[in-house]
């Protein structure tokens, strides 16, 4: 009887380990997506914090305060990421210069040059 319990316990542990390992696997991108974004995607979303943006794209090339009364009533902080020349693929800010605007700690606008 103890031998059967030991086998059953080993089977339950093996199933639990296998099931847990499968939850850690991320979705595999489609081949078309890999060709379009070979370096992966690091999408930014309006509402992200400065820390979230910096963790995905690194430190900006420049930071300044801007005021555009046609767009906002208060000044915004503008982060600029300059495109890297010679990259023939779409790799987020590496392919196109981007201007990110923050109201306090939160991303409010994204512009491409």
PDB file of N, CA and C in Angstrom:
ATOM      1  N   UNK A   1       0.812  -1.189   0.000  1.00  0.00           N
ATOM      2  CA  UNK A   1       0.000   0.000   0.000  1.00  0.00           C
ATOM      3  C   UNK A   1       0.862   1.263   0.000  1.00  0.00           C
ATOM      4  N   UNK A   2       1.960   1.278   0.747  1.00  0.00           N
ATOM      5  CA  UNK A   2       2.851   2.432   0.797  1.00  0.00           C
ATOM      6  C   UNK A   2       3.538   2.631  -0.542  1.00  0.00           C
ATOM      7  N   UNK A   3       3.832   1.536  -1.238  1.00  0.00           N
ATOM      8  CA  UNK A   3       4.474   1.603  -2.541  1.00  0.00           C
ATOM      9  C   UNK A   3       3.565   2.313  -3.552  1.00  0.00           C
ATOM     10  N   UNK A   4       2.269   2.043  -3.496  1.00  0.00           N
ATOM     11  CA  UNK A   4       1.300   2.669  -4.405  1.00  0.00           C
ATOM     12  C   UNK A   4       1.173   4.159  -4.089  1.00  0.00           C
ATOM     13  N   UNK A   5       1.173   4.486  -2.808  1.00  0.00           N
ATOM     14  CA  UNK A   5       1.089   5.897  -2.409  1.00  0.00           C
ATOM     15  C   UNK A   5       2.328   6.663  -2.883  1.00  0.00           C
ATOM     16  N   UNK A   6       3.478   6.050  -2.776  1.00  0.00           N
ATOM     17  CA  UNK A   6       4.719   6.707  -3.212  1.00  0.00           C
ATOM     18  C   UNK A   6       4.679   6.964  -4.716  1.00  0.00           C
ATOM     19  N   UNK A   7       4.213   5.978  -5.500  1.00  0.00           N
ATOM     20  CA  UNK A   7       4.110   6.155  -6.956  1.00  0.00           C
ATOM     21  C   UNK A   7       3.106   7.266  -7.286  1.00  0.00           C
ATOM     22  N   UNK A   8       1.980   7.250  -6.581  1.00  0.00           N
ATOM     23  CA  UNK A   8       0.959   8.266  -6.805  1.00  0.00           C
ATOM     24  C   UNK A   8       1.497   9.664  -6.473  1.00  0.00           C
ATOM     25  N   UNK A   9       2.253   9.788  -5.399  1.00  0.00           N
ATOM     26  CA  UNK A   9       2.844  11.064  -5.014  1.00  0.00           C
ATOM     27  C   UNK A   9       3.843  11.545  -6.070  1.00  0.00           C
ATOM     28  N   UNK A  10       4.647  10.663  -6.615  1.00  0.00           N
ATOM     29  CA  UNK A  10       5.607  11.016  -7.657  1.00  0.00           C
ATOM     30  C   UNK A  10       4.877  11.490  -8.908  1.00  0.00           C
ATOM     31  N   UNK A  11       3.795  10.821  -9.278  1.00  0.00           N
ATOM     32  CA  UNK A  11       3.010  11.208 -10.455  1.00  0.00           C
ATOM     33  C   UNK A  11       2.385  12.586 -10.243  1.00  0.00           C
ATOM     34  N   UNK A  12       1.829  12.842  -9.082  1.00  0.00           N
ATOM     35  CA  UNK A  12       1.213  14.144  -8.791  1.00  0.00           C
ATOM     36  C   UNK A  12       2.263  15.255  -8.838  1.00  0.00           C
ATOM     37  N   UNK A  13       3.430  15.026  -8.275  1.00  0.00           N
ATOM     38  CA  UNK A  13       4.497  16.028  -8.292  1.00  0.00           C
ATOM     39  C   UNK A  13       4.953  16.296  -9.728  1.00  0.00           C
ATOM     40  N   UNK A  14       5.101  15.245 -10.528  1.00  0.00           N
ATOM     41  CA  UNK A  14       5.527  15.411 -11.927  1.00  0.00           C
ATOM     42  C   UNK A  14       4.503  16.223 -12.716  1.00  0.00           C
ATOM     43  N   UNK A  15       3.235  15.948 -12.510  1.00  0.00           N
ATOM     44  CA  UNK A  15       2.174  16.700 -13.203  1.00  0.00           C
ATOM     45  C   UNK A  15       2.188  18.166 -12.766  1.00  0.00           C
ATOM     46  N   UNK A  16       2.369  18.410 -11.473  1.00  0.00           N
ATOM     47  CA  UNK A  16       2.388  19.780 -10.962  1.00  0.00           C
ATOM     48  C   UNK A  16       3.567  20.563 -11.537  1.00  0.00           C
ATOM     49  N   UNK A  17       4.737  19.939 -11.583  1.00  0.00           N
ATOM     50  CA  UNK A  17       5.929  20.613 -12.130  1.00  0.00           C
ATOM     51  C   UNK A  17       5.746  20.893 -13.613  1.00  0.00           C
ATOM     52  N   UNK A  18       5.234  19.943 -14.359  1.00  0.00           N
ATOM     53  CA  UNK A  18       5.012  20.126 -15.795  1.00  0.00           C
ATOM     54  C   UNK A  18       3.983  21.229 -16.040  1.00  0.00           C
ATOM     55  N   UNK A  19       2.908  21.226 -15.308  1.00  0.00           N
ATOM     56  CA  UNK A  19       1.876  22.247 -15.463  1.00  0.00           C
ATOM     57  C   UNK A  19       2.385  23.629 -15.120  1.00  0.00           C
ATOM     58  N   UNK A  20       3.192  23.760 -14.077  1.00  0.00           N
ATOM     59  CA  UNK A  20       3.739  25.048 -13.687  1.00  0.00           C
ATOM     60  C   UNK A  20       4.715  25.557 -14.741  1.00  0.00           C
ATOM     61  N   UNK A  21       5.543  24.679 -15.268  1.00  0.00           N
ATOM     62  CA  UNK A  21       6.509  25.065 -16.301  1.00  0.00           C
ATOM     63  C   UNK A  21       5.833  25.585 -17.552  1.00  0.00           C
ATOM     64  N   UNK A  22       4.701  25.034 -17.920  1.00  0.00           N
ATOM     65  CA  UNK A  22       3.984  25.474 -19.120  1.00  0.00           C
ATOM     66  C   UNK A  22       3.404  26.872 -18.946  1.00  0.00           C
ATOM     67  N   UNK A  23       3.103  27.274 -17.729  1.00  0.00           N
ATOM     68  CA  UNK A  23       2.545  28.605 -17.523  1.00  0.00           C
ATOM     69  C   UNK A  23       3.596  29.684 -17.706  1.00  0.00           C
ATOM     70  N   UNK A  24       4.871  29.336 -17.654  1.00  0.00           N
ATOM     71  CA  UNK A  24       5.945  30.312 -17.811  1.00  0.00           C
ATOM     72  C   UNK A  24       6.305  30.564 -19.271  1.00  0.00           C
ATOM     73  N   UNK A  25       5.815  29.747 -20.174  1.00  0.00           N
ATOM     74  CA  UNK A  25       6.137  29.893 -21.593  1.00  0.00           C
ATOM     75  C   UNK A  25       5.314  31.029 -22.177  1.00  0.00           C
ATOM     76  N   UNK A  26       6.013  31.979 -22.820  1.00  0.00           N
ATOM     77  CA  UNK A  26       5.314  33.091 -23.459  1.00  0.00           C
ATOM     78  C   UNK A  26       4.841  32.670 -24.837  1.00  0.00           C
ATOM     79  N   UNK A  27       3.879  33.410 -25.348  1.00  0.00           N
ATOM     80  CA  UNK A  27       3.367  33.122 -26.689  1.00  0.00           C
ATOM     81  C   UNK A  27       4.483  33.314 -27.714  1.00  0.00           C
ATOM     82  N   UNK A  28       4.610  32.374 -28.603  1.00  0.00           N
ATOM     83  CA  UNK A  28       5.632  32.447 -29.640  1.00  0.00           C
ATOM     84  C   UNK A  28       5.101  33.327 -30.767  1.00  0.00           C
ATOM     85  N   UNK A  29       5.877  34.356 -31.173  1.00  0.00           N
ATOM     86  CA  UNK A  29       5.377  35.238 -32.235  1.00  0.00           C
ATOM     87  C   UNK A  29       5.315  34.529 -33.576  1.00  0.00           C
ATOM     88  N   UNK A  30       4.418  35.006 -34.436  1.00  0.00           N
ATOM     89  CA  UNK A  30       4.281  34.457 -35.781  1.00  0.00           C
ATOM     90  C   UNK A  30       5.495  34.866 -36.616  1.00  0.00           C
ATOM     91  N   UNK A  31       5.848  34.082 -37.650  1.00  0.00           N
ATOM     92  CA  UNK A  31       7.012  34.422 -38.483  1.00  0.00           C
ATOM     93  C   UNK A  31       6.930  35.824 -39.090  1.00  0.00           C
ATOM     94  N   UNK A  32       5.727  36.265 -39.499  1.00  0.00           N
ATOM     95  CA  UNK A  32       5.584  37.605 -40.083  1.00  0.00           C
ATOM     96  C   UNK A  32       5.951  38.676 -39.058  1.00  0.00           C
ATOM     97  N   UNK A  33       5.574  38.436 -37.815  1.00  0.00           N
ATOM     98  CA  UNK A  33       5.865  39.396 -36.758  1.00  0.00           C
ATOM     99  C   UNK A  33       7.360  39.449 -36.476  1.00  0.00           C
ATOM    100  N   UNK A  34       8.017  38.299 -36.515  1.00  0.00           N
ATOM    101  CA  UNK A  34       9.464  38.260 -36.301  1.00  0.00           C
ATOM    102  C   UNK A  34      10.191  39.002 -37.418  1.00  0.00           C
ATOM    103  N   UNK A  35       9.718  38.851 -38.657  1.00  0.00           N
ATOM    104  CA  UNK A  35      10.347  39.554 -39.780  1.00  0.00           C
ATOM    105  C   UNK A  35      10.145  41.065 -39.671  1.00  0.00           C
ATOM    106  N   UNK A  36       8.972  41.482 -39.231  1.00  0.00           N
ATOM    107  CA  UNK A  36       8.696  42.909 -39.123  1.00  0.00           C
ATOM    108  C   UNK A  36       9.392  43.526 -37.910  1.00  0.00           C
ATOM    109  N   UNK A  37       9.438  42.807 -36.801  1.00  0.00           N
ATOM    110  CA  UNK A  37      10.042  43.300 -35.562  1.00  0.00           C
ATOM    111  C   UNK A  37      11.086  42.304 -35.054  1.00  0.00           C
ATOM    112  N   UNK A  38      12.224  42.165 -35.729  1.00  0.00           N
ATOM    113  CA  UNK A  38      13.204  41.154 -35.312  1.00  0.00           C
ATOM    114  C   UNK A  38      13.814  41.403 -33.936  1.00  0.00           C
ATOM    115  N   UNK A  39      13.774  42.634 -33.467  1.00  0.00           N
ATOM    116  CA  UNK A  39      14.297  42.938 -32.135  1.00  0.00           C
ATOM    117  C   UNK A  39      13.216  42.871 -31.071  1.00  0.00           C
ATOM    118  N   UNK A  40      12.012  42.482 -31.477  1.00  0.00           N
ATOM    119  CA  UNK A  40      10.891  42.412 -30.547  1.00  0.00           C
ATOM    120  C   UNK A  40      10.140  43.731 -30.503  1.00  0.00           C
ATOM    121  N   UNK A  41       9.021  43.744 -29.818  1.00  0.00           N
ATOM    122  CA  UNK A  41       8.196  44.942 -29.693  1.00  0.00           C
ATOM    123  C   UNK A  41       8.224  45.424 -28.256  1.00  0.00           C
ATOM    124  N   UNK A  42       8.345  46.695 -28.107  1.00  0.00           N
ATOM    125  CA  UNK A  42       8.283  47.296 -26.777  1.00  0.00           C
ATOM    126  C   UNK A  42       7.268  48.421 -26.835  1.00  0.00           C
ATOM    127  N   UNK A  43       6.030  48.056 -27.033  1.00  0.00           N
ATOM    128  CA  UNK A  43       4.964  49.033 -27.176  1.00  0.00           C
ATOM    129  C   UNK A  43       4.848  49.911 -25.945  1.00  0.00           C
ATOM    130  N   UNK A  44       4.637  51.193 -26.206  1.00  0.00           N
ATOM    131  CA  UNK A  44       4.327  52.133 -25.145  1.00  0.00           C
ATOM    132  C   UNK A  44       2.846  52.435 -25.221  1.00  0.00           C
ATOM    133  N   UNK A  45       2.262  52.732 -24.089  1.00  0.00           N
ATOM    134  CA  UNK A  45       0.847  53.068 -24.031  1.00  0.00           C
ATOM    135  C   UNK A  45       0.664  54.357 -23.241  1.00  0.00           C
ATOM    136  N   UNK A  46      -0.289  55.154 -23.673  1.00  0.00           N
ATOM    137  CA  UNK A  46      -0.646  56.365 -22.932  1.00  0.00           C
ATOM    138  C   UNK A  46      -1.031  55.947 -21.513  1.00  0.00           C
ATOM    139  N   UNK A  47      -0.542  56.690 -20.537  1.00  0.00           N
ATOM    140  CA  UNK A  47      -0.836  56.377 -19.140  1.00  0.00           C
ATOM    141  C   UNK A  47       0.305  55.670 -18.435  1.00  0.00           C
ATOM    142  N   UNK A  48       1.311  55.215 -19.204  1.00  0.00           N
ATOM    143  CA  UNK A  48       2.459  54.569 -18.560  1.00  0.00           C
ATOM    144  C   UNK A  48       3.233  55.605 -17.740  1.00  0.00           C
ATOM    145  N   UNK A  49       3.921  55.137 -16.723  1.00  0.00           N
ATOM    146  CA  UNK A  49       4.742  56.033 -15.912  1.00  0.00           C
ATOM    147  C   UNK A  49       6.103  56.224 -16.587  1.00  0.00           C
ATOM    148  N   UNK A  50       6.821  57.235 -16.135  1.00  0.00           N
ATOM    149  CA  UNK A  50       8.167  57.490 -16.656  1.00  0.00           C
ATOM    150  C   UNK A  50       9.064  56.268 -16.421  1.00  0.00           C
ATOM    151  N   UNK A  51       8.906  55.640 -15.286  1.00  0.00           N
ATOM    152  CA  UNK A  51       9.720  54.465 -14.966  1.00  0.00           C
ATOM    153  C   UNK A  51       9.433  53.323 -15.935  1.00  0.00           C
ATOM    154  N   UNK A  52       8.171  53.116 -16.289  1.00  0.00           N
ATOM    155  CA  UNK A  52       7.819  52.051 -17.225  1.00  0.00           C
ATOM    156  C   UNK A  52       8.406  52.332 -18.604  1.00  0.00           C
ATOM    157  N   UNK A  53       8.322  53.588 -19.050  1.00  0.00           N
ATOM    158  CA  UNK A  53       8.875  53.958 -20.353  1.00  0.00           C
ATOM    159  C   UNK A  53      10.383  53.755 -20.353  1.00  0.00           C
ATOM    160  N   UNK A  54      11.043  54.233 -19.317  1.00  0.00           N
ATOM    161  CA  UNK A  54      12.506  54.115 -19.249  1.00  0.00           C
ATOM    162  C   UNK A  54      12.951  52.662 -19.167  1.00  0.00           C
ATOM    163  N   UNK A  55      12.171  51.812 -18.517  1.00  0.00           N
ATOM    164  CA  UNK A  55      12.549  50.398 -18.432  1.00  0.00           C
ATOM    165  C   UNK A  55      12.443  49.711 -19.788  1.00  0.00           C
ATOM    166  N   UNK A  56      11.587  50.215 -20.675  1.00  0.00           N
ATOM    167  CA  UNK A  56      11.426  49.616 -22.001  1.00  0.00           C
ATOM    168  C   UNK A  56      12.360  50.218 -23.040  1.00  0.00           C
ATOM    169  N   UNK A  57      12.549  51.540 -23.014  1.00  0.00           N
ATOM    170  CA  UNK A  57      13.324  52.219 -24.058  1.00  0.00           C
ATOM    171  C   UNK A  57      14.636  52.792 -23.563  1.00  0.00           C
ATOM    172  N   UNK A  58      14.887  52.747 -22.264  1.00  0.00           N
ATOM    173  CA  UNK A  58      16.123  53.318 -21.734  1.00  0.00           C
ATOM    174  C   UNK A  58      15.973  54.819 -21.521  1.00  0.00           C
ATOM    175  N   UNK A  59      17.088  55.458 -21.183  1.00  0.00           N
ATOM    176  CA  UNK A  59      17.068  56.899 -20.937  1.00  0.00           C
ATOM    177  C   UNK A  59      16.897  57.645 -22.258  1.00  0.00           C
ATOM    178  N   UNK A  60      16.125  58.739 -22.251  1.00  0.00           N
ATOM    179  CA  UNK A  60      15.927  59.506 -23.485  1.00  0.00           C
ATOM    180  C   UNK A  60      17.201  60.258 -23.874  1.00  0.00           C
ATOM    181  N   UNK A  61      17.291  60.648 -25.148  1.00  0.00           N
ATOM    182  CA  UNK A  61      18.431  61.427 -25.621  1.00  0.00           C
ATOM    183  C   UNK A  61      18.382  62.853 -25.088  1.00  0.00           C
ATOM    184  N   UNK A  62      17.175  63.383 -24.880  1.00  0.00           N
ATOM    185  CA  UNK A  62      17.046  64.717 -24.288  1.00  0.00           C
ATOM    186  C   UNK A  62      15.704  64.829 -23.576  1.00  0.00           C
ATOM    187  N   UNK A  63      15.680  65.734 -22.593  1.00  0.00           N
ATOM    188  CA  UNK A  63      14.458  66.026 -21.826  1.00  0.00           C
ATOM    189  C   UNK A  63      14.326  67.541 -21.759  1.00  0.00           C
ATOM    190  N   UNK A  64      13.130  68.053 -22.037  1.00  0.00           N
ATOM    191  CA  UNK A  64      12.899  69.495 -21.943  1.00  0.00           C
ATOM    192  C   UNK A  64      11.446  69.761 -21.569  1.00  0.00           C
ATOM    193  N   UNK A  65      11.184  70.986 -21.146  1.00  0.00           N
ATOM    194  CA  UNK A  65       9.813  71.427 -20.851  1.00  0.00           C
ATOM    195  C   UNK A  65       9.284  72.140 -22.087  1.00  0.00           C
ATOM    196  N   UNK A  66       8.053  71.846 -22.480  1.00  0.00           N
ATOM    197  CA  UNK A  66       7.440  72.495 -23.643  1.00  0.00           C
ATOM    198  C   UNK A  66       6.034  72.949 -23.283  1.00  0.00           C
ATOM    199  N   UNK A  67       5.593  74.005 -23.973  1.00  0.00           N
ATOM    200  CA  UNK A  67       4.227  74.473 -23.793  1.00  0.00           C
ATOM    201  C   UNK A  67       3.618  74.643 -25.178  1.00  0.00           C
ATOM    202  N   UNK A  68       2.500  74.001 -25.403  1.00  0.00           N
ATOM    203  CA  UNK A  68       1.770  74.105 -26.657  1.00  0.00           C
ATOM    204  C   UNK A  68       0.313  74.360 -26.289  1.00  0.00           C
ATOM    205  N   UNK A  69      -0.082  75.627 -26.285  1.00  0.00           N
ATOM    206  CA  UNK A  69      -1.432  75.986 -25.833  1.00  0.00           C
ATOM    207  C   UNK A  69      -2.519  75.439 -26.740  1.00  0.00           C
ATOM    208  N   UNK A  70      -2.156  75.038 -27.973  1.00  0.00           N
ATOM    209  CA  UNK A  70      -3.146  74.418 -28.859  1.00  0.00           C
ATOM    210  C   UNK A  70      -3.463  72.988 -28.433  1.00  0.00           C
ATOM    211  N   UNK A  71      -2.544  72.371 -27.697  1.00  0.00           N
ATOM    212  CA  UNK A  71      -2.730  70.977 -27.279  1.00  0.00           C
ATOM    213  C   UNK A  71      -3.058  70.837 -25.800  1.00  0.00           C
ATOM    214  N   UNK A  72      -2.371  71.624 -24.948  1.00  0.00           N
ATOM    215  CA  UNK A  72      -2.546  71.496 -23.500  1.00  0.00           C
ATOM    216  C   UNK A  72      -2.550  72.864 -22.859  1.00  0.00           C
ATOM    217  N   UNK A  73      -3.185  72.948 -21.707  1.00  0.00           N
ATOM    218  CA  UNK A  73      -3.190  74.233 -20.997  1.00  0.00           C
ATOM    219  C   UNK A  73      -1.960  74.394 -20.111  1.00  0.00           C
ATOM    220  N   UNK A  74      -1.323  73.297 -19.724  1.00  0.00           N
ATOM    221  CA  UNK A  74      -0.139  73.346 -18.863  1.00  0.00           C
ATOM    222  C   UNK A  74       1.090  72.834 -19.617  1.00  0.00           C
ATOM    223  N   UNK A  75       2.289  73.238 -19.205  1.00  0.00           N
ATOM    224  CA  UNK A  75       3.508  72.726 -19.847  1.00  0.00           C
ATOM    225  C   UNK A  75       3.643  71.218 -19.638  1.00  0.00           C
ATOM    226  N   UNK A  76       4.334  70.590 -20.555  1.00  0.00           N
ATOM    227  CA  UNK A  76       4.598  69.141 -20.477  1.00  0.00           C
ATOM    228  C   UNK A  76       6.102  68.915 -20.510  1.00  0.00           C
ATOM    229  N   UNK A  77       6.501  67.778 -20.001  1.00  0.00           N
ATOM    230  CA  UNK A  77       7.887  67.364 -20.134  1.00  0.00           C
ATOM    231  C   UNK A  77       7.994  66.530 -21.403  1.00  0.00           C
ATOM    232  N   UNK A  78       8.949  66.858 -22.261  1.00  0.00           N
ATOM    233  CA  UNK A  78       9.124  66.150 -23.526  1.00  0.00           C
ATOM    234  C   UNK A  78      10.417  65.343 -23.481  1.00  0.00           C
ATOM    235  N   UNK A  79      10.281  64.034 -23.726  1.00  0.00           N
ATOM    236  CA  UNK A  79      11.443  63.159 -23.860  1.00  0.00           C
ATOM    237  C   UNK A  79      11.628  62.874 -25.344  1.00  0.00           C
ATOM    238  N   UNK A  80      12.858  63.002 -25.830  1.00  0.00           N
ATOM    239  CA  UNK A  80      13.147  62.732 -27.233  1.00  0.00           C
ATOM    240  C   UNK A  80      14.075  61.536 -27.336  1.00  0.00           C
ATOM    241  N   UNK A  81      13.691  60.591 -28.198  1.00  0.00           N
ATOM    242  CA  UNK A  81      14.516  59.437 -28.551  1.00  0.00           C
ATOM    243  C   UNK A  81      14.836  59.581 -30.031  1.00  0.00           C
ATOM    244  N   UNK A  82      16.128  59.773 -30.364  1.00  0.00           N
ATOM    245  CA  UNK A  82      16.531  59.951 -31.759  1.00  0.00           C
ATOM    246  C   UNK A  82      16.680  58.609 -32.457  1.00  0.00           C
ATOM    247  N   UNK A  83      16.265  58.566 -33.716  1.00  0.00           N
ATOM    248  CA  UNK A  83      16.393  57.347 -34.526  1.00  0.00           C
ATOM    249  C   UNK A  83      17.870  57.030 -34.731  1.00  0.00           C
ATOM    250  N   UNK A  84      18.155  55.756 -34.828  1.00  0.00           N
ATOM    251  CA  UNK A  84      19.513  55.300 -35.124  1.00  0.00           C
ATOM    252  C   UNK A  84      19.602  55.067 -36.623  1.00  0.00           C
ATOM    253  N   UNK A  85      20.529  55.697 -37.284  1.00  0.00           N
ATOM    254  CA  UNK A  85      20.633  55.563 -38.737  1.00  0.00           C
ATOM    255  C   UNK A  85      21.183  54.208 -39.120  1.00  0.00           C
ATOM    256  N   UNK A  86      20.777  53.768 -40.295  1.00  0.00           N
ATOM    257  CA  UNK A  86      21.296  52.519 -40.829  1.00  0.00           C
ATOM    258  C   UNK A  86      20.566  51.274 -40.382  1.00  0.00           C
ATOM    259  N   UNK A  87      19.447  51.421 -39.698  1.00  0.00           N
ATOM    260  CA  UNK A  87      18.683  50.251 -39.270  1.00  0.00           C
ATOM    261  C   UNK A  87      17.559  50.049 -40.282  1.00  0.00           C
ATOM    262  N   UNK A  88      17.631  48.992 -41.092  1.00  0.00           N
ATOM    263  CA  UNK A  88      16.645  48.793 -42.161  1.00  0.00           C
ATOM    264  C   UNK A  88      15.362  48.106 -41.728  1.00  0.00           C
ATOM    265  N   UNK A  89      15.136  48.008 -40.430  1.00  0.00           N
ATOM    266  CA  UNK A  89      13.970  47.295 -39.919  1.00  0.00           C
ATOM    267  C   UNK A  89      13.170  48.213 -39.007  1.00  0.00           C
ATOM    268  N   UNK A  90      11.932  47.853 -38.739  1.00  0.00           N
ATOM    269  CA  UNK A  90      11.113  48.605 -37.804  1.00  0.00           C
ATOM    270  C   UNK A  90      11.441  48.129 -36.396  1.00  0.00           C
ATOM    271  N   UNK A  91      12.143  48.956 -35.650  1.00  0.00           N
ATOM    272  CA  UNK A  91      12.555  48.592 -34.301  1.00  0.00           C
ATOM    273  C   UNK A  91      12.201  49.716 -33.334  1.00  0.00           C
ATOM    274  N   UNK A  92      10.932  50.053 -33.277  1.00  0.00           N
ATOM    275  CA  UNK A  92      10.429  51.090 -32.380  1.00  0.00           C
ATOM    276  C   UNK A  92      11.186  52.389 -32.567  1.00  0.00           C
ATOM    277  N   UNK A  93      11.665  52.985 -31.482  1.00  0.00           N
ATOM    278  CA  UNK A  93      12.311  54.286 -31.576  1.00  0.00           C
ATOM    279  C   UNK A  93      13.662  54.217 -32.267  1.00  0.00           C
ATOM    280  N   UNK A  94      14.215  53.027 -32.478  1.00  0.00           N
ATOM    281  CA  UNK A  94      15.482  52.923 -33.200  1.00  0.00           C
ATOM    282  C   UNK A  94      15.300  53.284 -34.669  1.00  0.00           C
ATOM    283  N   UNK A  95      14.106  53.088 -35.219  1.00  0.00           N
ATOM    284  CA  UNK A  95      13.839  53.342 -36.632  1.00  0.00           C
ATOM    285  C   UNK A  95      13.359  54.767 -36.891  1.00  0.00           C
ATOM    286  N   UNK A  96      12.594  55.337 -35.994  1.00  0.00           N
ATOM    287  CA  UNK A  96      12.045  56.680 -36.150  1.00  0.00           C
ATOM    288  C   UNK A  96      12.270  57.446 -34.859  1.00  0.00           C
ATOM    289  N   UNK A  97      12.597  58.732 -34.989  1.00  0.00           N
ATOM    290  CA  UNK A  97      12.705  59.549 -33.779  1.00  0.00           C
ATOM    291  C   UNK A  97      11.322  59.693 -33.168  1.00  0.00           C
ATOM    292  N   UNK A  98      11.273  59.702 -31.864  1.00  0.00           N
ATOM    293  CA  UNK A  98       9.992  59.814 -31.156  1.00  0.00           C
ATOM    294  C   UNK A  98      10.086  60.895 -30.094  1.00  0.00           C
ATOM    295  N   UNK A  99       8.987  61.607 -29.938  1.00  0.00           N
ATOM    296  CA  UNK A  99       8.844  62.575 -28.852  1.00  0.00           C
ATOM    297  C   UNK A  99       7.738  62.059 -27.945  1.00  0.00           C
ATOM    298  N   UNK A 100       8.054  61.931 -26.680  1.00  0.00           N
ATOM    299  CA  UNK A 100       7.080  61.477 -25.688  1.00  0.00           C
ATOM    300  C   UNK A 100       6.788  62.632 -24.747  1.00  0.00           C
ATOM    301  N   UNK A 101       5.512  62.838 -24.444  1.00  0.00           N
ATOM    302  CA  UNK A 101       5.109  63.948 -23.588  1.00  0.00           C
ATOM    303  C   UNK A 101       4.501  63.413 -22.301  1.00  0.00           C
ATOM    304  N   UNK A 102       4.946  63.997 -21.187  1.00  0.00           N
ATOM    305  CA  UNK A 102       4.487  63.576 -19.867  1.00  0.00           C
ATOM    306  C   UNK A 102       3.830  64.735 -19.147  1.00  0.00           C
ATOM    307  N   UNK A 103       2.719  64.458 -18.493  1.00  0.00           N
ATOM    308  CA  UNK A 103       2.052  65.391 -17.602  1.00  0.00           C
ATOM    309  C   UNK A 103       2.282  64.849 -16.203  1.00  0.00           C
ATOM    310  N   UNK A 104       3.252  65.401 -15.519  1.00  0.00           N
ATOM    311  CA  UNK A 104       3.649  64.828 -14.245  1.00  0.00           C
ATOM    312  C   UNK A 104       4.432  63.551 -14.510  1.00  0.00           C
ATOM    313  N   UNK A 105       3.973  62.454 -13.974  1.00  0.00           N
ATOM    314  CA  UNK A 105       4.680  61.183 -14.130  1.00  0.00           C
ATOM    315  C   UNK A 105       4.107  60.302 -15.218  1.00  0.00           C
ATOM    316  N   UNK A 106       3.055  60.744 -15.928  1.00  0.00           N
ATOM    317  CA  UNK A 106       2.351  59.865 -16.848  1.00  0.00           C
ATOM    318  C   UNK A 106       2.478  60.290 -18.305  1.00  0.00           C
ATOM    319  N   UNK A 107       2.660  59.309 -19.179  1.00  0.00           N
ATOM    320  CA  UNK A 107       2.762  59.528 -20.609  1.00  0.00           C
ATOM    321  C   UNK A 107       1.409  59.946 -21.162  1.00  0.00           C
ATOM    322  N   UNK A 108       1.382  61.096 -21.878  1.00  0.00           N
ATOM    323  CA  UNK A 108       0.118  61.595 -22.396  1.00  0.00           C
ATOM    324  C   UNK A 108       0.058  61.622 -23.925  1.00  0.00           C
ATOM    325  N   UNK A 109       1.213  61.737 -24.599  1.00  0.00           N
ATOM    326  CA  UNK A 109       1.233  61.804 -26.070  1.00  0.00           C
ATOM    327  C   UNK A 109       2.522  61.189 -26.592  1.00  0.00           C
ATOM    328  N   UNK A 110       2.437  60.638 -27.823  1.00  0.00           N
ATOM    329  CA  UNK A 110       3.608  60.081 -28.511  1.00  0.00           C
ATOM    330  C   UNK A 110       3.585  60.633 -29.938  1.00  0.00           C
ATOM    331  N   UNK A 111       4.673  61.306 -30.335  1.00  0.00           N
ATOM    332  CA  UNK A 111       4.797  61.839 -31.689  1.00  0.00           C
ATOM    333  C   UNK A 111       5.991  61.204 -32.385  1.00  0.00           C
ATOM    334  N   UNK A 112       5.862  60.956 -33.696  1.00  0.00           N
ATOM    335  CA  UNK A 112       6.973  60.487 -34.526  1.00  0.00           C
ATOM    336  C   UNK A 112       7.441  61.655 -35.380  1.00  0.00           C
ATOM    337  N   UNK A 113       8.724  61.783 -35.565  1.00  0.00           N
ATOM    338  CA  UNK A 113       9.260  62.839 -36.445  1.00  0.00           C
ATOM    339  C   UNK A 113       9.123  62.412 -37.875  1.00  0.00           C
TER     340      UNK A 113
END
